[in-house]
Amino acid sequence: MSEIKQLIKKIIKFRNNRDWKQFHNPKDVALSLVLEASEVLEFFQWKNDSEIKELIKTKKAEIGDELADVLYFLLLMSADFGIDIKKAFEQKMKKNEKKYPIEKSKGKHNKYTEL
């Protein structure tokens, strides 16, 4: 069993043991994903580069907790929707490679429509 499938199995077991599936409709799970991602952003709000470097050193565990929450809801959504997230990621990376060919995008931050 892949590591991703093992994580999904843990998430589903955690949720089911608490009878929370009844609350996990697509809208609310998507909302939770965005809220958790916002909590990651909150660490960096109003910080300059040197403050961010220090924050990453001093708050690494807390940032990791929030990233884990994002991963939790991402994997939960993929499982609930029947999406093989590893396969979806691999397919998306192939699309990104076409959108952002090295010869046009290397060292640039432009969106693919502006290359």
PDB file of N, CA and C in Angstrom:
ATOM      1  N   MET A   1       0.848  -1.186   0.000  1.00  0.00           N
ATOM      2  CA  MET A   1       0.000   0.000   0.000  1.00  0.00           C
ATOM      3  C   MET A   1       0.888   1.242   0.000  1.00  0.00           C
ATOM      4  N   SER A   2       0.574   2.183  -0.870  1.00  0.00           N
ATOM      5  CA  SER A   2       1.385   3.397  -0.955  1.00  0.00           C
ATOM      6  C   SER A   2       1.227   4.241   0.316  1.00  0.00           C
ATOM      7  N   GLU A   3       2.185   5.114   0.529  1.00  0.00           N
ATOM      8  CA  GLU A   3       2.133   5.997   1.700  1.00  0.00           C
ATOM      9  C   GLU A   3       0.897   6.880   1.667  1.00  0.00           C
ATOM     10  N   ILE A   4       0.524   7.363   0.489  1.00  0.00           N
ATOM     11  CA  ILE A   4      -0.662   8.210   0.381  1.00  0.00           C
ATOM     12  C   ILE A   4      -1.907   7.418   0.766  1.00  0.00           C
ATOM     13  N   LYS A   5      -2.012   6.206   0.270  1.00  0.00           N
ATOM     14  CA  LYS A   5      -3.169   5.365   0.614  1.00  0.00           C
ATOM     15  C   LYS A   5      -3.200   5.063   2.107  1.00  0.00           C
ATOM     16  N   GLN A   6      -2.036   4.888   2.715  1.00  0.00           N
ATOM     17  CA  GLN A   6      -1.974   4.658   4.165  1.00  0.00           C
ATOM     18  C   GLN A   6      -2.467   5.889   4.930  1.00  0.00           C
ATOM     19  N   LEU A   7      -2.064   7.077   4.468  1.00  0.00           N
ATOM     20  CA  LEU A   7      -2.533   8.310   5.109  1.00  0.00           C
ATOM     21  C   LEU A   7      -4.049   8.446   4.973  1.00  0.00           C
ATOM     22  N   ILE A   8      -4.549   8.177   3.791  1.00  0.00           N
ATOM     23  CA  ILE A   8      -5.996   8.272   3.563  1.00  0.00           C
ATOM     24  C   ILE A   8      -6.732   7.285   4.469  1.00  0.00           C
ATOM     25  N   LYS A   9      -6.213   6.089   4.606  1.00  0.00           N
ATOM     26  CA  LYS A   9      -6.830   5.084   5.468  1.00  0.00           C
ATOM     27  C   LYS A   9      -6.899   5.588   6.917  1.00  0.00           C
ATOM     28  N   LYS A  10      -5.820   6.219   7.399  1.00  0.00           N
ATOM     29  CA  LYS A  10      -5.806   6.788   8.756  1.00  0.00           C
ATOM     30  C   LYS A  10      -6.849   7.894   8.899  1.00  0.00           C
ATOM     31  N   ILE A  11      -6.930   8.742   7.887  1.00  0.00           N
ATOM     32  CA  ILE A  11      -7.878   9.860   7.920  1.00  0.00           C
ATOM     33  C   ILE A  11      -9.313   9.340   7.971  1.00  0.00           C
ATOM     34  N   ILE A  12      -9.627   8.399   7.111  1.00  0.00           N
ATOM     35  CA  ILE A  12     -10.982   7.842   7.067  1.00  0.00           C
ATOM     36  C   ILE A  12     -11.317   7.149   8.389  1.00  0.00           C
ATOM     37  N   LYS A  13     -10.369   6.395   8.938  1.00  0.00           N
ATOM     38  CA  LYS A  13     -10.595   5.730  10.222  1.00  0.00           C
ATOM     39  C   LYS A  13     -10.832   6.756  11.325  1.00  0.00           C
ATOM     40  N   PHE A  14     -10.013   7.796  11.356  1.00  0.00           N
ATOM     41  CA  PHE A  14     -10.153   8.866  12.347  1.00  0.00           C
ATOM     42  C   PHE A  14     -11.546   9.481  12.252  1.00  0.00           C
ATOM     43  N   ARG A  15     -11.951   9.836  11.029  1.00  0.00           N
ATOM     44  CA  ARG A  15     -13.260  10.452  10.812  1.00  0.00           C
ATOM     45  C   ARG A  15     -14.393   9.500  11.188  1.00  0.00           C
ATOM     46  N   ASN A  16     -14.316   8.273  10.717  1.00  0.00           N
ATOM     47  CA  ASN A  16     -15.402   7.327  10.949  1.00  0.00           C
ATOM     48  C   ASN A  16     -15.543   6.952  12.416  1.00  0.00           C
ATOM     49  N   ASN A  17     -14.435   6.856  13.124  1.00  0.00           N
ATOM     50  CA  ASN A  17     -14.493   6.550  14.558  1.00  0.00           C
ATOM     51  C   ASN A  17     -15.212   7.636  15.348  1.00  0.00           C
ATOM     52  N   ARG A  18     -15.264   8.827  14.805  1.00  0.00           N
ATOM     53  CA  ARG A  18     -15.922   9.958  15.466  1.00  0.00           C
ATOM     54  C   ARG A  18     -17.295  10.272  14.875  1.00  0.00           C
ATOM     55  N   ASP A  19     -17.711   9.481  13.897  1.00  0.00           N
ATOM     56  CA  ASP A  19     -18.994   9.685  13.218  1.00  0.00           C
ATOM     57  C   ASP A  19     -19.093  11.104  12.644  1.00  0.00           C
ATOM     58  N   TRP A  20     -18.039  11.551  11.988  1.00  0.00           N
ATOM     59  CA  TRP A  20     -18.001  12.899  11.421  1.00  0.00           C
ATOM     60  C   TRP A  20     -18.349  12.948   9.943  1.00  0.00           C
ATOM     61  N   LYS A  21     -18.481  11.795   9.288  1.00  0.00           N
ATOM     62  CA  LYS A  21     -18.789  11.815   7.856  1.00  0.00           C
ATOM     63  C   LYS A  21     -20.066  12.602   7.582  1.00  0.00           C
ATOM     64  N   GLN A  22     -21.004  12.554   8.527  1.00  0.00           N
ATOM     65  CA  GLN A  22     -22.264  13.276   8.378  1.00  0.00           C
ATOM     66  C   GLN A  22     -22.055  14.784   8.206  1.00  0.00           C
ATOM     67  N   PHE A  23     -20.935  15.308   8.668  1.00  0.00           N
ATOM     68  CA  PHE A  23     -20.640  16.735   8.571  1.00  0.00           C
ATOM     69  C   PHE A  23     -19.759  17.078   7.364  1.00  0.00           C
ATOM     70  N   HIS A  24     -19.234  16.053   6.705  1.00  0.00           N
ATOM     71  CA  HIS A  24     -18.218  16.267   5.670  1.00  0.00           C
ATOM     72  C   HIS A  24     -18.806  16.283   4.267  1.00  0.00           C
ATOM     73  N   ASN A  25     -19.666  17.246   4.023  1.00  0.00           N
ATOM     74  CA  ASN A  25     -20.166  17.445   2.662  1.00  0.00           C
ATOM     75  C   ASN A  25     -19.094  18.185   1.859  1.00  0.00           C
ATOM     76  N   PRO A  26     -19.152  18.125   0.532  1.00  0.00           N
ATOM     77  CA  PRO A  26     -18.092  18.732  -0.284  1.00  0.00           C
ATOM     78  C   PRO A  26     -17.833  20.209   0.018  1.00  0.00           C
ATOM     79  N   LYS A  27     -18.886  20.976   0.222  1.00  0.00           N
ATOM     80  CA  LYS A  27     -18.707  22.412   0.491  1.00  0.00           C
ATOM     81  C   LYS A  27     -17.916  22.637   1.771  1.00  0.00           C
ATOM     82  N   ASP A  28     -18.302  21.950   2.834  1.00  0.00           N
ATOM     83  CA  ASP A  28     -17.655  22.185   4.117  1.00  0.00           C
ATOM     84  C   ASP A  28     -16.230  21.641   4.170  1.00  0.00           C
ATOM     85  N   VAL A  29     -15.976  20.539   3.487  1.00  0.00           N
ATOM     86  CA  VAL A  29     -14.604  20.025   3.439  1.00  0.00           C
ATOM     87  C   VAL A  29     -13.723  20.979   2.621  1.00  0.00           C
ATOM     88  N   ALA A  30     -14.252  21.483   1.497  1.00  0.00           N
ATOM     89  CA  ALA A  30     -13.501  22.454   0.692  1.00  0.00           C
ATOM     90  C   ALA A  30     -13.250  23.730   1.497  1.00  0.00           C
ATOM     91  N   LEU A  31     -14.242  24.166   2.224  1.00  0.00           N
ATOM     92  CA  LEU A  31     -14.097  25.349   3.070  1.00  0.00           C
ATOM     93  C   LEU A  31     -13.028  25.116   4.135  1.00  0.00           C
ATOM     94  N   SER A  32     -13.034  23.932   4.739  1.00  0.00           N
ATOM     95  CA  SER A  32     -12.028  23.612   5.752  1.00  0.00           C
ATOM     96  C   SER A  32     -10.622  23.609   5.163  1.00  0.00           C
ATOM     97  N   LEU A  33     -10.491  23.108   3.945  1.00  0.00           N
ATOM     98  CA  LEU A  33      -9.195  23.113   3.269  1.00  0.00           C
ATOM     99  C   LEU A  33      -8.673  24.541   3.107  1.00  0.00           C
ATOM    100  N   VAL A  34      -9.536  25.425   2.664  1.00  0.00           N
ATOM    101  CA  VAL A  34      -9.141  26.828   2.467  1.00  0.00           C
ATOM    102  C   VAL A  34      -8.829  27.492   3.808  1.00  0.00           C
ATOM    103  N   LEU A  35      -9.632  27.229   4.810  1.00  0.00           N
ATOM    104  CA  LEU A  35      -9.392  27.825   6.128  1.00  0.00           C
ATOM    105  C   LEU A  35      -8.054  27.371   6.699  1.00  0.00           C
ATOM    106  N   GLU A  36      -7.734  26.101   6.560  1.00  0.00           N
ATOM    107  CA  GLU A  36      -6.449  25.607   7.062  1.00  0.00           C
ATOM    108  C   GLU A  36      -5.286  26.216   6.280  1.00  0.00           C
ATOM    109  N   ALA A  37      -5.451  26.362   4.962  1.00  0.00           N
ATOM    110  CA  ALA A  37      -4.402  27.017   4.163  1.00  0.00           C
ATOM    111  C   ALA A  37      -4.223  28.465   4.609  1.00  0.00           C
ATOM    112  N   SER A  38      -5.312  29.112   4.959  1.00  0.00           N
ATOM    113  CA  SER A  38      -5.240  30.492   5.461  1.00  0.00           C
ATOM    114  C   SER A  38      -4.485  30.561   6.783  1.00  0.00           C
ATOM    115  N   GLU A  39      -4.620  29.524   7.597  1.00  0.00           N
ATOM    116  CA  GLU A  39      -3.880  29.498   8.853  1.00  0.00           C
ATOM    117  C   GLU A  39      -2.382  29.395   8.608  1.00  0.00           C
ATOM    118  N   VAL A  40      -1.979  28.750   7.524  1.00  0.00           N
ATOM    119  CA  VAL A  40      -0.566  28.734   7.154  1.00  0.00           C
ATOM    120  C   VAL A  40      -0.135  30.154   6.791  1.00  0.00           C
ATOM    121  N   LEU A  41      -0.940  30.825   5.987  1.00  0.00           N
ATOM    122  CA  LEU A  41      -0.626  32.199   5.572  1.00  0.00           C
ATOM    123  C   LEU A  41      -0.494  33.149   6.750  1.00  0.00           C
ATOM    124  N   GLU A  42      -1.318  32.928   7.760  1.00  0.00           N
ATOM    125  CA  GLU A  42      -1.334  33.827   8.906  1.00  0.00           C
ATOM    126  C   GLU A  42       0.033  33.936   9.589  1.00  0.00           C
ATOM    127  N   PHE A  43       0.819  32.860   9.556  1.00  0.00           N
ATOM    128  CA  PHE A  43       2.156  32.907  10.153  1.00  0.00           C
ATOM    129  C   PHE A  43       3.025  33.973   9.497  1.00  0.00           C
ATOM    130  N   PHE A  44       2.814  34.203   8.203  1.00  0.00           N
ATOM    131  CA  PHE A  44       3.708  35.060   7.432  1.00  0.00           C
ATOM    132  C   PHE A  44       3.187  36.476   7.223  1.00  0.00           C
ATOM    133  N   GLN A  45       1.938  36.696   7.612  1.00  0.00           N
ATOM    134  CA  GLN A  45       1.331  38.013   7.418  1.00  0.00           C
ATOM    135  C   GLN A  45       2.138  39.086   8.145  1.00  0.00           C
ATOM    136  N   TRP A  46       2.403  40.163   7.451  1.00  0.00           N
ATOM    137  CA  TRP A  46       3.078  41.358   7.957  1.00  0.00           C
ATOM    138  C   TRP A  46       4.536  41.132   8.328  1.00  0.00           C
ATOM    139  N   LYS A  47       5.130  40.041   7.868  1.00  0.00           N
ATOM    140  CA  LYS A  47       6.530  39.756   8.199  1.00  0.00           C
ATOM    141  C   LYS A  47       7.434  40.080   7.013  1.00  0.00           C
ATOM    142  N   ASN A  48       8.608  40.635   7.313  1.00  0.00           N
ATOM    143  CA  ASN A  48       9.602  40.852   6.260  1.00  0.00           C
ATOM    144  C   ASN A  48      10.459  39.593   6.123  1.00  0.00           C
ATOM    145  N   ASP A  49      11.387  39.609   5.186  1.00  0.00           N
ATOM    146  CA  ASP A  49      12.180  38.413   4.894  1.00  0.00           C
ATOM    147  C   ASP A  49      12.939  37.879   6.108  1.00  0.00           C
ATOM    148  N   SER A  50      13.567  38.759   6.871  1.00  0.00           N
ATOM    149  CA  SER A  50      14.342  38.289   8.027  1.00  0.00           C
ATOM    150  C   SER A  50      13.412  37.742   9.115  1.00  0.00           C
ATOM    151  N   GLU A  51      12.255  38.354   9.300  1.00  0.00           N
ATOM    152  CA  GLU A  51      11.296  37.837  10.280  1.00  0.00           C
ATOM    153  C   GLU A  51      10.758  36.468   9.855  1.00  0.00           C
ATOM    154  N   ILE A  52      10.574  36.285   8.569  1.00  0.00           N
ATOM    155  CA  ILE A  52      10.094  34.995   8.064  1.00  0.00           C
ATOM    156  C   ILE A  52      11.134  33.911   8.303  1.00  0.00           C
ATOM    157  N   LYS A  53      12.397  34.215   8.030  1.00  0.00           N
ATOM    158  CA  LYS A  53      13.458  33.229   8.266  1.00  0.00           C
ATOM    159  C   LYS A  53      13.502  32.812   9.735  1.00  0.00           C
ATOM    160  N   GLU A  54      13.374  33.769  10.620  1.00  0.00           N
ATOM    161  CA  GLU A  54      13.375  33.476  12.060  1.00  0.00           C
ATOM    162  C   GLU A  54      12.123  32.695  12.451  1.00  0.00           C
ATOM    163  N   LEU A  55      10.993  33.081  11.896  1.00  0.00           N
ATOM    164  CA  LEU A  55       9.731  32.406  12.186  1.00  0.00           C
ATOM    165  C   LEU A  55       9.783  30.933  11.797  1.00  0.00           C
ATOM    166  N   ILE A  56      10.360  30.653  10.653  1.00  0.00           N
ATOM    167  CA  ILE A  56      10.464  29.266  10.194  1.00  0.00           C
ATOM    168  C   ILE A  56      11.311  28.444  11.173  1.00  0.00           C
ATOM    169  N   LYS A  57      12.313  29.063  11.762  1.00  0.00           N
ATOM    170  CA  LYS A  57      13.132  28.363  12.754  1.00  0.00           C
ATOM    171  C   LYS A  57      12.370  28.150  14.061  1.00  0.00           C
ATOM    172  N   THR A  58      11.679  29.172  14.517  1.00  0.00           N
ATOM    173  CA  THR A  58      11.065  29.123  15.849  1.00  0.00           C
ATOM    174  C   THR A  58       9.666  28.520  15.869  1.00  0.00           C
ATOM    175  N   LYS A  59       8.977  28.527  14.741  1.00  0.00           N
ATOM    176  CA  LYS A  59       7.589  28.034  14.684  1.00  0.00           C
ATOM    177  C   LYS A  59       7.431  26.858  13.726  1.00  0.00           C
ATOM    178  N   LYS A  60       8.517  26.157  13.465  1.00  0.00           N
ATOM    179  CA  LYS A  60       8.491  25.061  12.486  1.00  0.00           C
ATOM    180  C   LYS A  60       7.427  24.012  12.825  1.00  0.00           C
ATOM    181  N   ALA A  61       7.337  23.615  14.087  1.00  0.00           N
ATOM    182  CA  ALA A  61       6.360  22.593  14.485  1.00  0.00           C
ATOM    183  C   ALA A  61       4.932  23.088  14.278  1.00  0.00           C
ATOM    184  N   GLU A  62       4.684  24.346  14.635  1.00  0.00           N
ATOM    185  CA  GLU A  62       3.338  24.899  14.490  1.00  0.00           C
ATOM    186  C   GLU A  62       2.950  25.033  13.017  1.00  0.00           C
ATOM    187  N   ILE A  63       3.898  25.447  12.192  1.00  0.00           N
ATOM    188  CA  ILE A  63       3.650  25.536  10.747  1.00  0.00           C
ATOM    189  C   ILE A  63       3.391  24.134  10.202  1.00  0.00           C
ATOM    190  N   GLY A  64       4.166  23.169  10.670  1.00  0.00           N
ATOM    191  CA  GLY A  64       3.969  21.781  10.265  1.00  0.00           C
ATOM    192  C   GLY A  64       2.583  21.272  10.625  1.00  0.00           C
ATOM    193  N   ASP A  65       2.087  21.661  11.802  1.00  0.00           N
ATOM    194  CA  ASP A  65       0.728  21.267  12.202  1.00  0.00           C
ATOM    195  C   ASP A  65      -0.309  21.790  11.211  1.00  0.00           C
ATOM    196  N   GLU A  66      -0.155  23.032  10.806  1.00  0.00           N
ATOM    197  CA  GLU A  66      -1.125  23.625   9.873  1.00  0.00           C
ATOM    198  C   GLU A  66      -1.006  22.999   8.484  1.00  0.00           C
ATOM    199  N   LEU A  67       0.218  22.736   8.051  1.00  0.00           N
ATOM    200  CA  LEU A  67       0.389  22.053   6.767  1.00  0.00           C
ATOM    201  C   LEU A  67      -0.233  20.656   6.814  1.00  0.00           C
ATOM    202  N   ALA A  68      -0.110  19.979   7.948  1.00  0.00           N
ATOM    203  CA  ALA A  68      -0.727  18.663   8.104  1.00  0.00           C
ATOM    204  C   ALA A  68      -2.251  18.765   8.030  1.00  0.00           C
ATOM    205  N   ASP A  69      -2.815  19.832   8.589  1.00  0.00           N
ATOM    206  CA  ASP A  69      -4.267  20.043   8.492  1.00  0.00           C
ATOM    207  C   ASP A  69      -4.694  20.231   7.032  1.00  0.00           C
ATOM    208  N   VAL A  70      -3.896  20.964   6.267  1.00  0.00           N
ATOM    209  CA  VAL A  70      -4.183  21.150   4.837  1.00  0.00           C
ATOM    210  C   VAL A  70      -4.146  19.794   4.133  1.00  0.00           C
ATOM    211  N   LEU A  71      -3.120  19.017   4.421  1.00  0.00           N
ATOM    212  CA  LEU A  71      -2.988  17.696   3.808  1.00  0.00           C
ATOM    213  C   LEU A  71      -4.161  16.793   4.187  1.00  0.00           C
ATOM    214  N   TYR A  72      -4.585  16.862   5.436  1.00  0.00           N
ATOM    215  CA  TYR A  72      -5.718  16.070   5.915  1.00  0.00           C
ATOM    216  C   TYR A  72      -6.945  16.319   5.034  1.00  0.00           C
ATOM    217  N   PHE A  73      -7.312  17.586   4.870  1.00  0.00           N
ATOM    218  CA  PHE A  73      -8.522  17.893   4.106  1.00  0.00           C
ATOM    219  C   PHE A  73      -8.341  17.640   2.613  1.00  0.00           C
ATOM    220  N   LEU A  74      -7.148  17.833   2.096  1.00  0.00           N
ATOM    221  CA  LEU A  74      -6.870  17.524   0.698  1.00  0.00           C
ATOM    222  C   LEU A  74      -7.048  16.031   0.428  1.00  0.00           C
ATOM    223  N   LEU A  75      -6.471  15.201   1.287  1.00  0.00           N
ATOM    224  CA  LEU A  75      -6.587  13.759   1.103  1.00  0.00           C
ATOM    225  C   LEU A  75      -8.004  13.266   1.365  1.00  0.00           C
ATOM    226  N   LEU A  76      -8.684  13.883   2.322  1.00  0.00           N
ATOM    227  CA  LEU A  76     -10.072  13.517   2.599  1.00  0.00           C
ATOM    228  C   LEU A  76     -10.949  13.804   1.385  1.00  0.00           C
ATOM    229  N   MET A  77     -10.780  14.976   0.794  1.00  0.00           N
ATOM    230  CA  MET A  77     -11.564  15.319  -0.399  1.00  0.00           C
ATOM    231  C   MET A  77     -11.270  14.353  -1.537  1.00  0.00           C
ATOM    232  N   SER A  78     -10.009  14.057  -1.747  1.00  0.00           N
ATOM    233  CA  SER A  78      -9.666  13.154  -2.853  1.00  0.00           C
ATOM    234  C   SER A  78     -10.300  11.790  -2.631  1.00  0.00           C
ATOM    235  N   ALA A  79     -10.306  11.307  -1.397  1.00  0.00           N
ATOM    236  CA  ALA A  79     -10.919  10.007  -1.100  1.00  0.00           C
ATOM    237  C   ALA A  79     -12.431  10.063  -1.285  1.00  0.00           C
ATOM    238  N   ASP A  80     -13.055  11.098  -0.756  1.00  0.00           N
ATOM    239  CA  ASP A  80     -14.509  11.221  -0.857  1.00  0.00           C
ATOM    240  C   ASP A  80     -14.978  11.346  -2.306  1.00  0.00           C
ATOM    241  N   PHE A  81     -14.172  11.966  -3.147  1.00  0.00           N
ATOM    242  CA  PHE A  81     -14.545  12.180  -4.548  1.00  0.00           C
ATOM    243  C   PHE A  81     -14.064  11.053  -5.459  1.00  0.00           C
ATOM    244  N   GLY A  82     -13.352  10.092  -4.891  1.00  0.00           N
ATOM    245  CA  GLY A  82     -12.837   8.995  -5.698  1.00  0.00           C
ATOM    246  C   GLY A  82     -11.733   9.421  -6.655  1.00  0.00           C
ATOM    247  N   ILE A  83     -10.943  10.391  -6.227  1.00  0.00           N
ATOM    248  CA  ILE A  83      -9.837  10.890  -7.046  1.00  0.00           C
ATOM    249  C   ILE A  83      -8.538  10.270  -6.546  1.00  0.00           C
ATOM    250  N   ASP A  84      -7.811   9.630  -7.435  1.00  0.00           N
ATOM    251  CA  ASP A  84      -6.480   9.123  -7.115  1.00  0.00           C
ATOM    252  C   ASP A  84      -5.554  10.334  -7.150  1.00  0.00           C
ATOM    253  N   ILE A  85      -5.251  10.874  -5.980  1.00  0.00           N
ATOM    254  CA  ILE A  85      -4.531  12.154  -5.901  1.00  0.00           C
ATOM    255  C   ILE A  85      -3.119  12.047  -6.456  1.00  0.00           C
ATOM    256  N   LYS A  86      -2.488  10.901  -6.298  1.00  0.00           N
ATOM    257  CA  LYS A  86      -1.149  10.723  -6.866  1.00  0.00           C
ATOM    258  C   LYS A  86      -1.210  10.787  -8.392  1.00  0.00           C
ATOM    259  N   LYS A  87      -2.168  10.087  -8.965  1.00  0.00           N
ATOM    260  CA  LYS A  87      -2.351  10.105 -10.420  1.00  0.00           C
ATOM    261  C   LYS A  87      -2.729  11.508 -10.905  1.00  0.00           C
ATOM    262  N   ALA A  88      -3.632  12.178 -10.176  1.00  0.00           N
ATOM    263  CA  ALA A  88      -4.039  13.537 -10.541  1.00  0.00           C
ATOM    264  C   ALA A  88      -2.839  14.488 -10.505  1.00  0.00           C
ATOM    265  N   PHE A  89      -1.989  14.316  -9.491  1.00  0.00           N
ATOM    266  CA  PHE A  89      -0.786  15.149  -9.381  1.00  0.00           C
ATOM    267  C   PHE A  89       0.151  14.911 -10.560  1.00  0.00           C
ATOM    268  N   GLU A  90       0.371  13.651 -10.888  1.00  0.00           N
ATOM    269  CA  GLU A  90       1.263  13.323 -12.000  1.00  0.00           C
ATOM    270  C   GLU A  90       0.729  13.885 -13.319  1.00  0.00           C
ATOM    271  N   GLN A  91      -0.573  13.789 -13.533  1.00  0.00           N
ATOM    272  CA  GLN A  91      -1.178  14.331 -14.754  1.00  0.00           C
ATOM    273  C   GLN A  91      -1.067  15.852 -14.789  1.00  0.00           C
ATOM    274  N   LYS A  92      -1.271  16.487 -13.648  1.00  0.00           N
ATOM    275  CA  LYS A  92      -1.171  17.950 -13.577  1.00  0.00           C
ATOM    276  C   LYS A  92       0.260  18.410 -13.847  1.00  0.00           C
ATOM    277  N   MET A  93       1.238  17.671 -13.335  1.00  0.00           N
ATOM    278  CA  MET A  93       2.629  18.037 -13.593  1.00  0.00           C
ATOM    279  C   MET A  93       2.957  17.944 -15.070  1.00  0.00           C
ATOM    280  N   LYS A  94       2.402  16.956 -15.772  1.00  0.00           N
ATOM    281  CA  LYS A  94       2.611  16.852 -17.222  1.00  0.00           C
ATOM    282  C   LYS A  94       2.015  18.068 -17.928  1.00  0.00           C
ATOM    283  N   LYS A  95       0.837  18.489 -17.500  1.00  0.00           N
ATOM    284  CA  LYS A  95       0.213  19.687 -18.076  1.00  0.00           C
ATOM    285  C   LYS A  95       1.074  20.918 -17.796  1.00  0.00           C
ATOM    286  N   ASN A  96       1.581  21.011 -16.564  1.00  0.00           N
ATOM    287  CA  ASN A  96       2.426  22.148 -16.198  1.00  0.00           C
ATOM    288  C   ASN A  96       3.712  22.185 -17.017  1.00  0.00           C
ATOM    289  N   GLU A  97       4.282  21.012 -17.306  1.00  0.00           N
ATOM    290  CA  GLU A  97       5.494  20.965 -18.119  1.00  0.00           C
ATOM    291  C   GLU A  97       5.237  21.517 -19.518  1.00  0.00           C
ATOM    292  N   LYS A  98       4.031  21.268 -20.050  1.00  0.00           N
ATOM    293  CA  LYS A  98       3.676  21.816 -21.366  1.00  0.00           C
ATOM    294  C   LYS A  98       3.396  23.311 -21.290  1.00  0.00           C
ATOM    295  N   LYS A  99       2.730  23.735 -20.230  1.00  0.00           N
ATOM    296  CA  LYS A  99       2.405  25.158 -20.061  1.00  0.00           C
ATOM    297  C   LYS A  99       3.655  25.991 -19.812  1.00  0.00           C
ATOM    298  N   TYR A 100       4.599  25.400 -19.089  1.00  0.00           N
ATOM    299  CA  TYR A 100       5.800  26.114 -18.679  1.00  0.00           C
ATOM    300  C   TYR A 100       7.057  25.410 -19.180  1.00  0.00           C
ATOM    301  N   PRO A 101       7.289  25.411 -20.493  1.00  0.00           N
ATOM    302  CA  PRO A 101       8.509  24.777 -21.004  1.00  0.00           C
ATOM    303  C   PRO A 101       9.740  25.510 -20.460  1.00  0.00           C
ATOM    304  N   ILE A 102      10.761  24.730 -20.177  1.00  0.00           N
ATOM    305  CA  ILE A 102      11.972  25.295 -19.567  1.00  0.00           C
ATOM    306  C   ILE A 102      12.512  26.467 -20.382  1.00  0.00           C
ATOM    307  N   GLU A 103      12.567  26.290 -21.706  1.00  0.00           N
ATOM    308  CA  GLU A 103      13.175  27.337 -22.541  1.00  0.00           C
ATOM    309  C   GLU A 103      12.410  28.659 -22.491  1.00  0.00           C
ATOM    310  N   LYS A 104      11.136  28.646 -22.131  1.00  0.00           N
ATOM    311  CA  LYS A 104      10.350  29.883 -22.041  1.00  0.00           C
ATOM    312  C   LYS A 104      10.204  30.389 -20.608  1.00  0.00           C
ATOM    313  N   SER A 105      10.247  29.494 -19.642  1.00  0.00           N
ATOM    314  CA  SER A 105       9.877  29.893 -18.283  1.00  0.00           C
ATOM    315  C   SER A 105      11.030  29.938 -17.280  1.00  0.00           C
ATOM    316  N   LYS A 106      12.173  29.397 -17.632  1.00  0.00           N
ATOM    317  CA  LYS A 106      13.277  29.322 -16.671  1.00  0.00           C
ATOM    318  C   LYS A 106      13.658  30.712 -16.164  1.00  0.00           C
ATOM    319  N   GLY A 107      13.629  30.854 -14.846  1.00  0.00           N
ATOM    320  CA  GLY A 107      14.013  32.115 -14.213  1.00  0.00           C
ATOM    321  C   GLY A 107      12.960  33.202 -14.291  1.00  0.00           C
ATOM    322  N   LYS A 108      11.764  32.870 -14.774  1.00  0.00           N
ATOM    323  CA  LYS A 108      10.688  33.862 -14.914  1.00  0.00           C
ATOM    324  C   LYS A 108       9.512  33.471 -14.024  1.00  0.00           C
ATOM    325  N   HIS A 109       8.780  34.469 -13.578  1.00  0.00           N
ATOM    326  CA  HIS A 109       7.622  34.220 -12.727  1.00  0.00           C
ATOM    327  C   HIS A 109       6.300  34.462 -13.454  1.00  0.00           C
ATOM    328  N   ASN A 110       6.375  34.673 -14.750  1.00  0.00           N
ATOM    329  CA  ASN A 110       5.165  34.961 -15.525  1.00  0.00           C
ATOM    330  C   ASN A 110       4.230  33.779 -15.596  1.00  0.00           C
ATOM    331  N   LYS A 111       2.941  34.098 -15.686  1.00  0.00           N
ATOM    332  CA  LYS A 111       1.942  33.063 -15.928  1.00  0.00           C
ATOM    333  C   LYS A 111       2.145  32.538 -17.351  1.00  0.00           C
ATOM    334  N   TYR A 112       1.747  31.291 -17.577  1.00  0.00           N
ATOM    335  CA  TYR A 112       1.978  30.651 -18.882  1.00  0.00           C
ATOM    336  C   TYR A 112       1.387  31.438 -20.040  1.00  0.00           C
ATOM    337  N   THR A 113       0.317  32.177 -19.800  1.00  0.00           N
ATOM    338  CA  THR A 113      -0.306  32.968 -20.881  1.00  0.00           C
ATOM    339  C   THR A 113       0.522  34.181 -21.248  1.00  0.00           C
ATOM    340  N   GLU A 114       1.536  34.502 -20.432  1.00  0.00           N
ATOM    341  CA  GLU A 114       2.373  35.672 -20.683  1.00  0.00           C
ATOM    342  C   GLU A 114       3.793  35.318 -21.096  1.00  0.00           C
ATOM    343  N   LEU A 115       4.038  34.047 -21.349  1.00  0.00           N
ATOM    344  CA  LEU A 115       5.395  33.640 -21.749  1.00  0.00           C
ATOM    345  C   LEU A 115       5.607  33.832 -23.238  1.00  0.00           C
TER     346      LEU A 115
END
